[in-house]
Structure formats: C-alpha cells, structure tokens
Amino acid sequence: MTGLLLDEMYPPALARRLRERDHDVLAALDLEVGLSSRSDEDVLAWAARHQRCVVTENVADFARIAPSTPHAGIVFVSARRFPRTRAGLVRLASALDAMLTAKRLPGPDGVTWLAEG
C-alpha cells in the first residue's frame, strides 16, 4: 500500500497524528524527509521514488505538473473545506484516516479530491 506525503503547508504534527492511527504518513516538513522549501517538482519526484501520494491544497501547481510527471498519486484538498485551523486540521486528519482505512488512495498517476470522512 502506498503511504502519504503531506505537502509543506501541513504541520508534521498532522503526520504524527495519522501515524498514531497506524498509517504510513510523512510530512514534507519532517526533518528526516528534508523537503522544506523544495520545488513542487522535487516534492512530487521524491514522493514517487518513495511510493507516496502527495496530499496538497496547491492544486494549480500540482495539476499543471502531474500530467507530465510520473507520480504515485495526488490527493487534492480544498482549503475552504479543510482550513488550516485547529478544527480544520482535526477534520482533515479524520478524512485522511477514513481514506487510508478504506484504501481509497489514487493509483499511480491518479488524482482525487479529498472528501469529508
């Protein structure tokens, strides 16, 4: 099963919370990942090499590069539906937990939108 890589707009604490629920999730901002301030192309390439779907609200950039770059999948997140507030991040964690539990991640080169859990 493919794991997730949370793009840099999401805190490492979100990845830790999902790991506590036994999911394979890393954050771009995790020090051991080393993707802080890297380009979207670098993030997508790293995720592909490590068989991870990228979770991002940066729809414009990732939608532009995804068709020409092999990847392990992208999960787009609506900033309106899941704002980066305390309550929004709790809802985001629940929705990602539901998606991972149900094994509804996009396949290779696939793209999907995250729905409420």
PDB file of N, CA and C in Angstrom:
ATOM      1  N   MET A   1       0.832  -1.185   0.000  1.00  0.00           N
ATOM      2  CA  MET A   1       0.000   0.000   0.000  1.00  0.00           C
ATOM      3  C   MET A   1       0.872   1.243   0.000  1.00  0.00           C
ATOM      4  N   THR A   2       0.488   2.220  -0.744  1.00  0.00           N
ATOM      5  CA  THR A   2       1.192   3.485  -0.827  1.00  0.00           C
ATOM      6  C   THR A   2       0.926   4.309   0.418  1.00  0.00           C
ATOM      7  N   GLY A   3       1.966   4.989   0.886  1.00  0.00           N
ATOM      8  CA  GLY A   3       1.813   5.898   2.012  1.00  0.00           C
ATOM      9  C   GLY A   3       1.499   7.296   1.506  1.00  0.00           C
ATOM     10  N   LEU A   4       1.435   8.241   2.442  1.00  0.00           N
ATOM     11  CA  LEU A   4       1.164   9.627   2.093  1.00  0.00           C
ATOM     12  C   LEU A   4       2.361  10.509   2.416  1.00  0.00           C
ATOM     13  N   LEU A   5       2.495  11.572   1.639  1.00  0.00           N
ATOM     14  CA  LEU A   5       3.426  12.646   1.937  1.00  0.00           C
ATOM     15  C   LEU A   5       2.601  13.923   1.997  1.00  0.00           C
ATOM     16  N   LEU A   6       2.547  14.548   3.168  1.00  0.00           N
ATOM     17  CA  LEU A   6       1.817  15.806   3.325  1.00  0.00           C
ATOM     18  C   LEU A   6       2.691  16.941   2.831  1.00  0.00           C
ATOM     19  N   ASP A   7       2.165  17.745   1.931  1.00  0.00           N
ATOM     20  CA  ASP A   7       2.909  18.877   1.388  1.00  0.00           C
ATOM     21  C   ASP A   7       3.232  19.859   2.514  1.00  0.00           C
ATOM     22  N   GLU A   8       4.121  20.811   2.216  1.00  0.00           N
ATOM     23  CA  GLU A   8       4.681  21.656   3.261  1.00  0.00           C
ATOM     24  C   GLU A   8       3.693  22.604   3.935  1.00  0.00           C
ATOM     25  N   MET A   9       2.490  22.750   3.438  1.00  0.00           N
ATOM     26  CA  MET A   9       1.527  23.608   4.133  1.00  0.00           C
ATOM     27  C   MET A   9       0.956  22.924   5.374  1.00  0.00           C
ATOM     28  N   TYR A  10       1.223  21.617   5.524  1.00  0.00           N
ATOM     29  CA  TYR A  10       0.683  20.875   6.655  1.00  0.00           C
ATOM     30  C   TYR A  10       1.767  20.589   7.692  1.00  0.00           C
ATOM     31  N   PRO A  11       1.416  20.733   8.971  1.00  0.00           N
ATOM     32  CA  PRO A  11       2.415  20.543  10.026  1.00  0.00           C
ATOM     33  C   PRO A  11       2.773  19.074  10.239  1.00  0.00           C
ATOM     34  N   PRO A  12       4.014  18.821  10.657  1.00  0.00           N
ATOM     35  CA  PRO A  12       4.410  17.445  10.978  1.00  0.00           C
ATOM     36  C   PRO A  12       3.517  16.791  12.029  1.00  0.00           C
ATOM     37  N   ALA A  13       2.903  17.593  12.892  1.00  0.00           N
ATOM     38  CA  ALA A  13       2.010  17.033  13.913  1.00  0.00           C
ATOM     39  C   ALA A  13       0.831  16.294  13.281  1.00  0.00           C
ATOM     40  N   LEU A  14       0.388  16.734  12.116  1.00  0.00           N
ATOM     41  CA  LEU A  14      -0.697  16.042  11.416  1.00  0.00           C
ATOM     42  C   LEU A  14      -0.236  14.651  10.972  1.00  0.00           C
ATOM     43  N   ALA A  15       0.974  14.568  10.451  1.00  0.00           N
ATOM     44  CA  ALA A  15       1.517  13.265  10.061  1.00  0.00           C
ATOM     45  C   ALA A  15       1.672  12.362  11.284  1.00  0.00           C
ATOM     46  N   ARG A  16       2.162  12.915  12.390  1.00  0.00           N
ATOM     47  CA  ARG A  16       2.307  12.117  13.618  1.00  0.00           C
ATOM     48  C   ARG A  16       0.950  11.590  14.086  1.00  0.00           C
ATOM     49  N   ARG A  17      -0.050  12.448  14.013  1.00  0.00           N
ATOM     50  CA  ARG A  17      -1.397  12.028  14.440  1.00  0.00           C
ATOM     51  C   ARG A  17      -1.884  10.840  13.610  1.00  0.00           C
ATOM     52  N   LEU A  18      -1.648  10.884  12.308  1.00  0.00           N
ATOM     53  CA  LEU A  18      -2.073   9.781  11.438  1.00  0.00           C
ATOM     54  C   LEU A  18      -1.209   8.538  11.656  1.00  0.00           C
ATOM     55  N   ARG A  19       0.071   8.721  11.949  1.00  0.00           N
ATOM     56  CA  ARG A  19       0.914   7.560  12.274  1.00  0.00           C
ATOM     57  C   ARG A  19       0.440   6.883  13.558  1.00  0.00           C
ATOM     58  N   GLU A  20      -0.062   7.676  14.509  1.00  0.00           N
ATOM     59  CA  GLU A  20      -0.616   7.108  15.744  1.00  0.00           C
ATOM     60  C   GLU A  20      -1.828   6.232  15.452  1.00  0.00           C
ATOM     61  N   ARG A  21      -2.457   6.451  14.316  1.00  0.00           N
ATOM     62  CA  ARG A  21      -3.590   5.620  13.880  1.00  0.00           C
ATOM     63  C   ARG A  21      -3.110   4.499  12.946  1.00  0.00           C
ATOM     64  N   ASP A  22      -1.801   4.246  12.971  1.00  0.00           N
ATOM     65  CA  ASP A  22      -1.161   3.151  12.214  1.00  0.00           C
ATOM     66  C   ASP A  22      -1.151   3.361  10.705  1.00  0.00           C
ATOM     67  N   HIS A  23      -1.095   4.620  10.265  1.00  0.00           N
ATOM     68  CA  HIS A  23      -0.987   4.913   8.841  1.00  0.00           C
ATOM     69  C   HIS A  23       0.440   5.339   8.514  1.00  0.00           C
ATOM     70  N   ASP A  24       0.854   5.052   7.296  1.00  0.00           N
ATOM     71  CA  ASP A  24       2.189   5.386   6.809  1.00  0.00           C
ATOM     72  C   ASP A  24       2.153   6.797   6.214  1.00  0.00           C
ATOM     73  N   VAL A  25       2.435   7.792   7.044  1.00  0.00           N
ATOM     74  CA  VAL A  25       2.322   9.185   6.628  1.00  0.00           C
ATOM     75  C   VAL A  25       3.556   9.965   7.070  1.00  0.00           C
ATOM     76  N   LEU A  26       4.125  10.714   6.150  1.00  0.00           N
ATOM     77  CA  LEU A  26       5.231  11.622   6.435  1.00  0.00           C
ATOM     78  C   LEU A  26       4.823  13.020   6.012  1.00  0.00           C
ATOM     79  N   ALA A  27       5.492  14.010   6.588  1.00  0.00           N
ATOM     80  CA  ALA A  27       5.266  15.407   6.211  1.00  0.00           C
ATOM     81  C   ALA A  27       6.516  15.934   5.514  1.00  0.00           C
ATOM     82  N   ALA A  28       6.318  16.755   4.499  1.00  0.00           N
ATOM     83  CA  ALA A  28       7.455  17.373   3.804  1.00  0.00           C
ATOM     84  C   ALA A  28       8.326  18.144   4.788  1.00  0.00           C
ATOM     85  N   LEU A  29       7.718  18.665   5.844  1.00  0.00           N
ATOM     86  CA  LEU A  29       8.462  19.438   6.837  1.00  0.00           C
ATOM     87  C   LEU A  29       9.134  18.586   7.909  1.00  0.00           C
ATOM     88  N   ASP A  30       8.930  17.262   7.880  1.00  0.00           N
ATOM     89  CA  ASP A  30       9.673  16.394   8.793  1.00  0.00           C
ATOM     90  C   ASP A  30      11.159  16.553   8.483  1.00  0.00           C
ATOM     91  N   LEU A  31      11.971  16.766   9.497  1.00  0.00           N
ATOM     92  CA  LEU A  31      13.402  16.990   9.275  1.00  0.00           C
ATOM     93  C   LEU A  31      14.054  15.854   8.503  1.00  0.00           C
ATOM     94  N   GLU A  32      13.673  14.608   8.810  1.00  0.00           N
ATOM     95  CA  GLU A  32      14.288  13.467   8.136  1.00  0.00           C
ATOM     96  C   GLU A  32      13.880  13.356   6.666  1.00  0.00           C
ATOM     97  N   VAL A  33      12.780  13.973   6.295  1.00  0.00           N
ATOM     98  CA  VAL A  33      12.339  13.968   4.895  1.00  0.00           C
ATOM     99  C   VAL A  33      13.133  14.996   4.097  1.00  0.00           C
ATOM    100  N   GLY A  34      13.329  16.167   4.663  1.00  0.00           N
ATOM    101  CA  GLY A  34      14.189  17.175   4.049  1.00  0.00           C
ATOM    102  C   GLY A  34      13.621  17.874   2.823  1.00  0.00           C
ATOM    103  N   LEU A  35      12.317  18.090   2.769  1.00  0.00           N
ATOM    104  CA  LEU A  35      11.719  18.722   1.592  1.00  0.00           C
ATOM    105  C   LEU A  35      11.270  20.162   1.838  1.00  0.00           C
ATOM    106  N   SER A  36      11.633  20.725   2.959  1.00  0.00           N
ATOM    107  CA  SER A  36      11.252  22.096   3.262  1.00  0.00           C
ATOM    108  C   SER A  36      11.784  23.044   2.194  1.00  0.00           C
ATOM    109  N   SER A  37      10.903  23.873   1.675  1.00  0.00           N
ATOM    110  CA  SER A  37      11.237  24.897   0.660  1.00  0.00           C
ATOM    111  C   SER A  37      11.719  24.322  -0.667  1.00  0.00           C
ATOM    112  N   ARG A  38      11.438  23.076  -0.937  1.00  0.00           N
ATOM    113  CA  ARG A  38      11.801  22.475  -2.219  1.00  0.00           C
ATOM    114  C   ARG A  38      10.691  22.746  -3.227  1.00  0.00           C
ATOM    115  N   SER A  39      11.013  22.631  -4.506  1.00  0.00           N
ATOM    116  CA  SER A  39      10.028  22.885  -5.557  1.00  0.00           C
ATOM    117  C   SER A  39       8.956  21.792  -5.564  1.00  0.00           C
ATOM    118  N   ASP A  40       7.822  22.116  -6.148  1.00  0.00           N
ATOM    119  CA  ASP A  40       6.749  21.128  -6.273  1.00  0.00           C
ATOM    120  C   ASP A  40       7.220  19.923  -7.086  1.00  0.00           C
ATOM    121  N   GLU A  41       8.014  20.171  -8.103  1.00  0.00           N
ATOM    122  CA  GLU A  41       8.561  19.073  -8.916  1.00  0.00           C
ATOM    123  C   GLU A  41       9.425  18.150  -8.063  1.00  0.00           C
ATOM    124  N   ASP A  42      10.250  18.733  -7.185  1.00  0.00           N
ATOM    125  CA  ASP A  42      11.084  17.928  -6.291  1.00  0.00           C
ATOM    126  C   ASP A  42      10.235  17.111  -5.325  1.00  0.00           C
ATOM    127  N   VAL A  43       9.196  17.733  -4.796  1.00  0.00           N
ATOM    128  CA  VAL A  43       8.300  17.038  -3.856  1.00  0.00           C
ATOM    129  C   VAL A  43       7.626  15.858  -4.560  1.00  0.00           C
ATOM    130  N   LEU A  44       7.114  16.087  -5.759  1.00  0.00           N
ATOM    131  CA  LEU A  44       6.428  15.021  -6.493  1.00  0.00           C
ATOM    132  C   LEU A  44       7.389  13.900  -6.866  1.00  0.00           C
ATOM    133  N   ALA A  45       8.604  14.250  -7.268  1.00  0.00           N
ATOM    134  CA  ALA A  45       9.605  13.235  -7.620  1.00  0.00           C
ATOM    135  C   ALA A  45      10.014  12.416  -6.386  1.00  0.00           C
ATOM    136  N   TRP A  46      10.228  13.088  -5.263  1.00  0.00           N
ATOM    137  CA  TRP A  46      10.588  12.372  -4.026  1.00  0.00           C
ATOM    138  C   TRP A  46       9.481  11.411  -3.640  1.00  0.00           C
ATOM    139  N   ALA A  47       8.242  11.896  -3.684  1.00  0.00           N
ATOM    140  CA  ALA A  47       7.097  11.055  -3.330  1.00  0.00           C
ATOM    141  C   ALA A  47       6.999   9.839  -4.254  1.00  0.00           C
ATOM    142  N   ALA A  48       7.239  10.038  -5.544  1.00  0.00           N
ATOM    143  CA  ALA A  48       7.188   8.912  -6.499  1.00  0.00           C
ATOM    144  C   ALA A  48       8.263   7.882  -6.168  1.00  0.00           C
ATOM    145  N   ARG A  49       9.470   8.351  -5.878  1.00  0.00           N
ATOM    146  CA  ARG A  49      10.566   7.418  -5.536  1.00  0.00           C
ATOM    147  C   ARG A  49      10.254   6.614  -4.279  1.00  0.00           C
ATOM    148  N   HIS A  50       9.479   7.195  -3.370  1.00  0.00           N
ATOM    149  CA  HIS A  50       9.173   6.541  -2.108  1.00  0.00           C
ATOM    150  C   HIS A  50       7.745   5.980  -2.057  1.00  0.00           C
ATOM    151  N   GLN A  51       7.108   5.888  -3.229  1.00  0.00           N
ATOM    152  CA  GLN A  51       5.764   5.311  -3.340  1.00  0.00           C
ATOM    153  C   GLN A  51       4.766   5.965  -2.381  1.00  0.00           C
ATOM    154  N   ARG A  52       4.690   7.292  -2.439  1.00  0.00           N
ATOM    155  CA  ARG A  52       3.792   8.044  -1.572  1.00  0.00           C
ATOM    156  C   ARG A  52       2.917   8.976  -2.386  1.00  0.00           C
ATOM    157  N   CYS A  53       1.646   9.019  -2.069  1.00  0.00           N
ATOM    158  CA  CYS A  53       0.736  10.001  -2.642  1.00  0.00           C
ATOM    159  C   CYS A  53       0.992  11.335  -1.959  1.00  0.00           C
ATOM    160  N   VAL A  54       0.996  12.391  -2.732  1.00  0.00           N
ATOM    161  CA  VAL A  54       1.149  13.733  -2.176  1.00  0.00           C
ATOM    162  C   VAL A  54      -0.233  14.268  -1.806  1.00  0.00           C
ATOM    163  N   VAL A  55      -0.336  14.815  -0.605  1.00  0.00           N
ATOM    164  CA  VAL A  55      -1.560  15.472  -0.146  1.00  0.00           C
ATOM    165  C   VAL A  55      -1.271  16.969  -0.143  1.00  0.00           C
ATOM    166  N   THR A  56      -2.039  17.726  -0.933  1.00  0.00           N
ATOM    167  CA  THR A  56      -1.748  19.149  -1.079  1.00  0.00           C
ATOM    168  C   THR A  56      -3.000  19.957  -1.361  1.00  0.00           C
ATOM    169  N   GLU A  57      -2.952  21.225  -0.982  1.00  0.00           N
ATOM    170  CA  GLU A  57      -4.005  22.147  -1.407  1.00  0.00           C
ATOM    171  C   GLU A  57      -3.489  23.054  -2.508  1.00  0.00           C
ATOM    172  N   ASN A  58      -2.270  22.818  -2.957  1.00  0.00           N
ATOM    173  CA  ASN A  58      -1.665  23.578  -4.051  1.00  0.00           C
ATOM    174  C   ASN A  58      -2.111  22.972  -5.387  1.00  0.00           C
ATOM    175  N   VAL A  59      -3.382  23.115  -5.662  1.00  0.00           N
ATOM    176  CA  VAL A  59      -3.998  22.473  -6.818  1.00  0.00           C
ATOM    177  C   VAL A  59      -3.428  23.009  -8.133  1.00  0.00           C
ATOM    178  N   ALA A  60      -3.303  24.319  -8.246  1.00  0.00           N
ATOM    179  CA  ALA A  60      -2.867  24.915  -9.522  1.00  0.00           C
ATOM    180  C   ALA A  60      -1.523  24.363  -9.976  1.00  0.00           C
ATOM    181  N   ASP A  61      -0.555  24.332  -9.097  1.00  0.00           N
ATOM    182  CA  ASP A  61       0.783  23.883  -9.497  1.00  0.00           C
ATOM    183  C   ASP A  61       0.847  22.380  -9.730  1.00  0.00           C
ATOM    184  N   PHE A  62       0.272  21.602  -8.815  1.00  0.00           N
ATOM    185  CA  PHE A  62       0.354  20.144  -8.978  1.00  0.00           C
ATOM    186  C   PHE A  62      -0.492  19.650 -10.148  1.00  0.00           C
ATOM    187  N   ALA A  63      -1.619  20.287 -10.416  1.00  0.00           N
ATOM    188  CA  ALA A  63      -2.424  19.905 -11.581  1.00  0.00           C
ATOM    189  C   ALA A  63      -1.677  20.208 -12.876  1.00  0.00           C
ATOM    190  N   ARG A  64      -0.833  21.219 -12.849  1.00  0.00           N
ATOM    191  CA  ARG A  64      -0.050  21.579 -14.031  1.00  0.00           C
ATOM    192  C   ARG A  64       1.080  20.576 -14.278  1.00  0.00           C
ATOM    193  N   ILE A  65       1.773  20.153 -13.229  1.00  0.00           N
ATOM    194  CA  ILE A  65       2.936  19.270 -13.430  1.00  0.00           C
ATOM    195  C   ILE A  65       2.579  17.783 -13.451  1.00  0.00           C
ATOM    196  N   ALA A  66       1.457  17.404 -12.863  1.00  0.00           N
ATOM    197  CA  ALA A  66       1.101  15.985 -12.757  1.00  0.00           C
ATOM    198  C   ALA A  66       0.987  15.257 -14.097  1.00  0.00           C
ATOM    199  N   PRO A  67       0.382  15.861 -15.139  1.00  0.00           N
ATOM    200  CA  PRO A  67       0.234  15.104 -16.389  1.00  0.00           C
ATOM    201  C   PRO A  67       1.561  14.735 -17.059  1.00  0.00           C
ATOM    202  N   SER A  68       2.603  15.494 -16.800  1.00  0.00           N
ATOM    203  CA  SER A  68       3.881  15.228 -17.468  1.00  0.00           C
ATOM    204  C   SER A  68       4.930  14.622 -16.540  1.00  0.00           C
ATOM    205  N   THR A  69       4.541  14.294 -15.311  1.00  0.00           N
ATOM    206  CA  THR A  69       5.482  13.757 -14.331  1.00  0.00           C
ATOM    207  C   THR A  69       4.923  12.481 -13.725  1.00  0.00           C
ATOM    208  N   PRO A  70       5.600  11.355 -13.883  1.00  0.00           N
ATOM    209  CA  PRO A  70       5.118  10.128 -13.239  1.00  0.00           C
ATOM    210  C   PRO A  70       5.077  10.321 -11.724  1.00  0.00           C
ATOM    211  N   HIS A  71       4.001   9.857 -11.096  1.00  0.00           N
ATOM    212  CA  HIS A  71       3.879  10.011  -9.649  1.00  0.00           C
ATOM    213  C   HIS A  71       3.061   8.863  -9.073  1.00  0.00           C
ATOM    214  N   ALA A  72       3.044   8.789  -7.744  1.00  0.00           N
ATOM    215  CA  ALA A  72       2.335   7.710  -7.045  1.00  0.00           C
ATOM    216  C   ALA A  72       0.915   8.088  -6.674  1.00  0.00           C
ATOM    217  N   GLY A  73       0.480   9.257  -7.122  1.00  0.00           N
ATOM    218  CA  GLY A  73      -0.878   9.718  -6.833  1.00  0.00           C
ATOM    219  C   GLY A  73      -0.852  11.063  -6.125  1.00  0.00           C
ATOM    220  N   ILE A  74      -1.931  11.814  -6.309  1.00  0.00           N
ATOM    221  CA  ILE A  74      -2.068  13.114  -5.661  1.00  0.00           C
ATOM    222  C   ILE A  74      -3.474  13.209  -5.080  1.00  0.00           C
ATOM    223  N   VAL A  75      -3.556  13.673  -3.840  1.00  0.00           N
ATOM    224  CA  VAL A  75      -4.830  13.923  -3.184  1.00  0.00           C
ATOM    225  C   VAL A  75      -4.935  15.433  -3.000  1.00  0.00           C
ATOM    226  N   PHE A  76      -5.878  16.047  -3.711  1.00  0.00           N
ATOM    227  CA  PHE A  76      -6.105  17.484  -3.577  1.00  0.00           C
ATOM    228  C   PHE A  76      -7.036  17.749  -2.399  1.00  0.00           C
ATOM    229  N   VAL A  77      -6.736  18.822  -1.687  1.00  0.00           N
ATOM    230  CA  VAL A  77      -7.518  19.204  -0.513  1.00  0.00           C
ATOM    231  C   VAL A  77      -8.041  20.619  -0.714  1.00  0.00           C
ATOM    232  N   SER A  78      -9.309  20.821  -0.460  1.00  0.00           N
ATOM    233  CA  SER A  78      -9.910  22.143  -0.524  1.00  0.00           C
ATOM    234  C   SER A  78      -9.590  22.906   0.761  1.00  0.00           C
ATOM    235  N   ALA A  79      -8.943  24.066   0.607  1.00  0.00           N
ATOM    236  CA  ALA A  79      -8.625  24.893   1.773  1.00  0.00           C
ATOM    237  C   ALA A  79      -9.882  25.452   2.420  1.00  0.00           C
ATOM    238  N   ARG A  80     -10.944  25.581   1.668  1.00  0.00           N
ATOM    239  CA  ARG A  80     -12.215  26.042   2.245  1.00  0.00           C
ATOM    240  C   ARG A  80     -12.856  24.960   3.107  1.00  0.00           C
ATOM    241  N   ARG A  81     -12.825  23.746   2.608  1.00  0.00           N
ATOM    242  CA  ARG A  81     -13.440  22.635   3.340  1.00  0.00           C
ATOM    243  C   ARG A  81     -12.584  22.220   4.532  1.00  0.00           C
ATOM    244  N   PHE A  82     -11.270  22.288   4.370  1.00  0.00           N
ATOM    245  CA  PHE A  82     -10.329  21.879   5.416  1.00  0.00           C
ATOM    246  C   PHE A  82      -9.330  23.017   5.683  1.00  0.00           C
ATOM    247  N   PRO A  83      -9.789  24.103   6.321  1.00  0.00           N
ATOM    248  CA  PRO A  83      -8.864  25.209   6.589  1.00  0.00           C
ATOM    249  C   PRO A  83      -7.770  24.765   7.569  1.00  0.00           C
ATOM    250  N   ARG A  84      -6.644  25.444   7.514  1.00  0.00           N
ATOM    251  CA  ARG A  84      -5.526  25.077   8.393  1.00  0.00           C
ATOM    252  C   ARG A  84      -5.671  25.726   9.768  1.00  0.00           C
ATOM    253  N   THR A  85      -6.838  25.536  10.326  1.00  0.00           N
ATOM    254  CA  THR A  85      -7.123  25.931  11.701  1.00  0.00           C
ATOM    255  C   THR A  85      -7.102  24.662  12.543  1.00  0.00           C
ATOM    256  N   ARG A  86      -7.176  24.828  13.840  1.00  0.00           N
ATOM    257  CA  ARG A  86      -7.185  23.641  14.705  1.00  0.00           C
ATOM    258  C   ARG A  86      -8.334  22.699  14.333  1.00  0.00           C
ATOM    259  N   ALA A  87      -9.542  23.239  14.209  1.00  0.00           N
ATOM    260  CA  ALA A  87     -10.707  22.412  13.864  1.00  0.00           C
ATOM    261  C   ALA A  87     -10.587  21.848  12.453  1.00  0.00           C
ATOM    262  N   GLY A  88     -10.081  22.645  11.521  1.00  0.00           N
ATOM    263  CA  GLY A  88      -9.921  22.185  10.150  1.00  0.00           C
ATOM    264  C   GLY A  88      -8.921  21.046  10.036  1.00  0.00           C
ATOM    265  N   LEU A  89      -7.825  21.131  10.803  1.00  0.00           N
ATOM    266  CA  LEU A  89      -6.825  20.060  10.778  1.00  0.00           C
ATOM    267  C   LEU A  89      -7.345  18.781  11.419  1.00  0.00           C
ATOM    268  N   VAL A  90      -8.207  18.920  12.411  1.00  0.00           N
ATOM    269  CA  VAL A  90      -8.846  17.732  13.009  1.00  0.00           C
ATOM    270  C   VAL A  90      -9.731  17.054  11.965  1.00  0.00           C
ATOM    271  N   ARG A  91     -10.526  17.854  11.238  1.00  0.00           N
ATOM    272  CA  ARG A  91     -11.378  17.296  10.175  1.00  0.00           C
ATOM    273  C   ARG A  91     -10.530  16.679   9.066  1.00  0.00           C
ATOM    274  N   LEU A  92      -9.415  17.338   8.728  1.00  0.00           N
ATOM    275  CA  LEU A  92      -8.516  16.810   7.698  1.00  0.00           C
ATOM    276  C   LEU A  92      -7.944  15.464   8.136  1.00  0.00           C
ATOM    277  N   ALA A  93      -7.503  15.370   9.373  1.00  0.00           N
ATOM    278  CA  ALA A  93      -6.974  14.100   9.888  1.00  0.00           C
ATOM    279  C   ALA A  93      -8.035  13.002   9.813  1.00  0.00           C
ATOM    280  N   SER A  94      -9.257  13.332  10.170  1.00  0.00           N
ATOM    281  CA  SER A  94     -10.338  12.336  10.117  1.00  0.00           C
ATOM    282  C   SER A  94     -10.625  11.886   8.687  1.00  0.00           C
ATOM    283  N   ALA A  95     -10.639  12.842   7.763  1.00  0.00           N
ATOM    284  CA  ALA A  95     -10.902  12.499   6.362  1.00  0.00           C
ATOM    285  C   ALA A  95      -9.768  11.660   5.780  1.00  0.00           C
ATOM    286  N   LEU A  96      -8.526  12.009   6.096  1.00  0.00           N
ATOM    287  CA  LEU A  96      -7.393  11.207   5.602  1.00  0.00           C
ATOM    288  C   LEU A  96      -7.386   9.831   6.238  1.00  0.00           C
ATOM    289  N   ASP A  97      -7.711   9.755   7.521  1.00  0.00           N
ATOM    290  CA  ASP A  97      -7.814   8.464   8.201  1.00  0.00           C
ATOM    291  C   ASP A  97      -8.856   7.585   7.510  1.00  0.00           C
ATOM    292  N   ALA A  98     -10.014   8.161   7.187  1.00  0.00           N
ATOM    293  CA  ALA A  98     -11.065   7.398   6.510  1.00  0.00           C
ATOM    294  C   ALA A  98     -10.605   6.936   5.134  1.00  0.00           C
ATOM    295  N   MET A  99      -9.939   7.805   4.399  1.00  0.00           N
ATOM    296  CA  MET A  99      -9.458   7.451   3.061  1.00  0.00           C
ATOM    297  C   MET A  99      -8.429   6.329   3.140  1.00  0.00           C
ATOM    298  N   LEU A 100      -7.503   6.425   4.083  1.00  0.00           N
ATOM    299  CA  LEU A 100      -6.478   5.392   4.227  1.00  0.00           C
ATOM    300  C   LEU A 100      -7.074   4.079   4.713  1.00  0.00           C
ATOM    301  N   THR A 101      -7.977   4.141   5.652  1.00  0.00           N
ATOM    302  CA  THR A 101      -8.603   2.932   6.187  1.00  0.00           C
ATOM    303  C   THR A 101      -9.387   2.201   5.100  1.00  0.00           C
ATOM    304  N   ALA A 102     -10.083   2.967   4.264  1.00  0.00           N
ATOM    305  CA  ALA A 102     -10.878   2.372   3.180  1.00  0.00           C
ATOM    306  C   ALA A 102     -10.032   2.035   1.954  1.00  0.00           C
ATOM    307  N   LYS A 103      -8.747   2.376   2.008  1.00  0.00           N
ATOM    308  CA  LYS A 103      -7.821   2.116   0.885  1.00  0.00           C
ATOM    309  C   LYS A 103      -8.342   2.747  -0.406  1.00  0.00           C
ATOM    310  N   ARG A 104      -8.734   4.021  -0.303  1.00  0.00           N
ATOM    311  CA  ARG A 104      -9.266   4.754  -1.455  1.00  0.00           C
ATOM    312  C   ARG A 104      -8.260   5.747  -2.028  1.00  0.00           C
ATOM    313  N   LEU A 105      -6.986   5.452  -1.918  1.00  0.00           N
ATOM    314  CA  LEU A 105      -5.977   6.345  -2.489  1.00  0.00           C
ATOM    315  C   LEU A 105      -5.966   6.214  -4.004  1.00  0.00           C
ATOM    316  N   PRO A 106      -5.611   7.283  -4.687  1.00  0.00           N
ATOM    317  CA  PRO A 106      -5.499   7.171  -6.148  1.00  0.00           C
ATOM    318  C   PRO A 106      -4.339   6.249  -6.501  1.00  0.00           C
ATOM    319  N   GLY A 107      -4.436   5.609  -7.638  1.00  0.00           N
ATOM    320  CA  GLY A 107      -3.361   4.750  -8.105  1.00  0.00           C
ATOM    321  C   GLY A 107      -2.250   5.566  -8.727  1.00  0.00           C
ATOM    322  N   PRO A 108      -1.248   4.891  -9.280  1.00  0.00           N
ATOM    323  CA  PRO A 108      -0.145   5.589  -9.930  1.00  0.00           C
ATOM    324  C   PRO A 108      -0.665   6.569 -10.982  1.00  0.00           C
ATOM    325  N   ASP A 109      -0.145   7.785 -10.921  1.00  0.00           N
ATOM    326  CA  ASP A 109      -0.513   8.888 -11.824  1.00  0.00           C
ATOM    327  C   ASP A 109      -1.963   9.325 -11.664  1.00  0.00           C
ATOM    328  N   GLY A 110      -2.656   8.842 -10.638  1.00  0.00           N
ATOM    329  CA  GLY A 110      -4.036   9.217 -10.395  1.00  0.00           C
ATOM    330  C   GLY A 110      -4.140  10.449  -9.507  1.00  0.00           C
ATOM    331  N   VAL A 111      -5.267  11.116  -9.634  1.00  0.00           N
ATOM    332  CA  VAL A 111      -5.543  12.325  -8.862  1.00  0.00           C
ATOM    333  C   VAL A 111      -6.967  12.229  -8.328  1.00  0.00           C
ATOM    334  N   THR A 112      -7.173  12.643  -7.078  1.00  0.00           N
ATOM    335  CA  THR A 112      -8.506  12.655  -6.487  1.00  0.00           C
ATOM    336  C   THR A 112      -8.623  13.841  -5.544  1.00  0.00           C
ATOM    337  N   TRP A 113      -9.845  14.181  -5.221  1.00  0.00           N
ATOM    338  CA  TRP A 113     -10.132  15.197  -4.222  1.00  0.00           C
ATOM    339  C   TRP A 113     -10.519  14.514  -2.922  1.00  0.00           C
ATOM    340  N   LEU A 114     -10.059  15.055  -1.806  1.00  0.00           N
ATOM    341  CA  LEU A 114     -10.403  14.526  -0.503  1.00  0.00           C
ATOM    342  C   LEU A 114     -11.821  14.941  -0.146  1.00  0.00           C
ATOM    343  N   ALA A 115     -12.602  13.964   0.292  1.00  0.00           N
ATOM    344  CA  ALA A 115     -13.976  14.233   0.726  1.00  0.00           C
ATOM    345  C   ALA A 115     -14.008  14.184   2.252  1.00  0.00           C
ATOM    346  N   GLU A 116     -15.047  14.715   2.818  1.00  0.00           N
ATOM    347  CA  GLU A 116     -15.217  14.632   4.289  1.00  0.00           C
ATOM    348  C   GLU A 116     -15.238  13.164   4.687  1.00  0.00           C
ATOM    349  N   GLY A 117     -14.615  12.867   5.816  1.00  0.00           N
ATOM    350  CA  GLY A 117     -14.548  11.500   6.314  1.00  0.00           C
ATOM    351  C   GLY A 117     -15.851  11.067   6.852  1.00  0.00           C
TER     352      GLY A 117
END
